[in-house]
């Protein structure tokens, strides 16, 4: 999941065009929204840089 999200932001690829080896693009997209809603995304962003 994290690799799919990182790939999306690193490359600018639209969600629907993520490589299949990352699994469902919908799953990665939904997980990112959940993390944004509960504050996890902010914690990850601040811990990485």
Protein backbone atom coordinates (compact mmCIF):
# COMPACT_ATOMS: atom_id res chain seq x y z
CA UNK A 1 0.00 0.00 0.00
CA UNK A 2 2.72 2.45 0.98
CA UNK A 3 4.71 1.63 -2.17
CA UNK A 4 1.67 2.29 -4.36
CA UNK A 5 1.04 5.66 -2.71
CA UNK A 6 4.74 6.58 -2.93
CA UNK A 7 4.83 5.62 -6.61
CA UNK A 8 1.78 7.77 -7.34
CA UNK A 9 3.33 10.86 -5.78
CA UNK A 10 6.87 10.20 -7.04
CA UNK A 11 5.79 9.78 -10.68
CA UNK A 12 2.59 11.83 -10.82
CA UNK A 13 0.79 8.82 -12.28
CA UNK A 14 -3.00 8.97 -12.13
CA UNK A 15 -4.43 6.51 -9.60
CA UNK A 16 -6.02 4.36 -12.30
CA UNK A 17 -2.68 3.94 -14.10
CA UNK A 18 -0.65 2.55 -11.19
CA UNK A 19 1.19 -0.64 -12.18
CA UNK A 20 -0.77 -3.81 -11.44
CA UNK A 21 1.92 -5.23 -9.16
CA UNK A 22 0.81 -2.69 -6.53
CA UNK A 23 -2.63 -4.29 -6.40
CA UNK A 24 -5.89 -2.40 -6.52
CA UNK A 25 -5.49 1.32 -7.17
CA UNK A 26 -8.82 1.81 -5.38
CA UNK A 27 -7.43 0.16 -2.28
CA UNK A 28 -4.40 2.46 -2.21
CA UNK A 29 -6.54 5.52 -2.88
CA UNK A 30 -9.04 4.63 -0.16
CA UNK A 31 -6.26 3.92 2.33
CA UNK A 32 -4.69 7.31 1.68
CA UNK A 33 -8.07 8.99 2.33
CA UNK A 34 -8.46 7.06 5.59
CA UNK A 35 -4.97 8.08 6.67
CA UNK A 36 -5.71 11.71 5.78
CA UNK A 37 -8.93 11.63 7.82
CA UNK A 38 -7.38 10.14 10.96
CA UNK A 39 -4.10 12.11 10.93
CA UNK A 40 -1.79 9.24 9.98
CA UNK A 41 -0.81 10.86 6.67
CA UNK A 42 0.45 13.99 8.44
CA UNK A 43 2.49 11.89 10.87
CA UNK A 44 4.10 10.03 7.96
CA UNK A 45 4.88 13.23 6.08
CA UNK A 46 6.48 14.87 9.11
CA UNK A 47 8.47 11.77 10.09
CA UNK A 48 9.98 11.44 6.61
CA UNK A 49 11.32 14.79 6.12
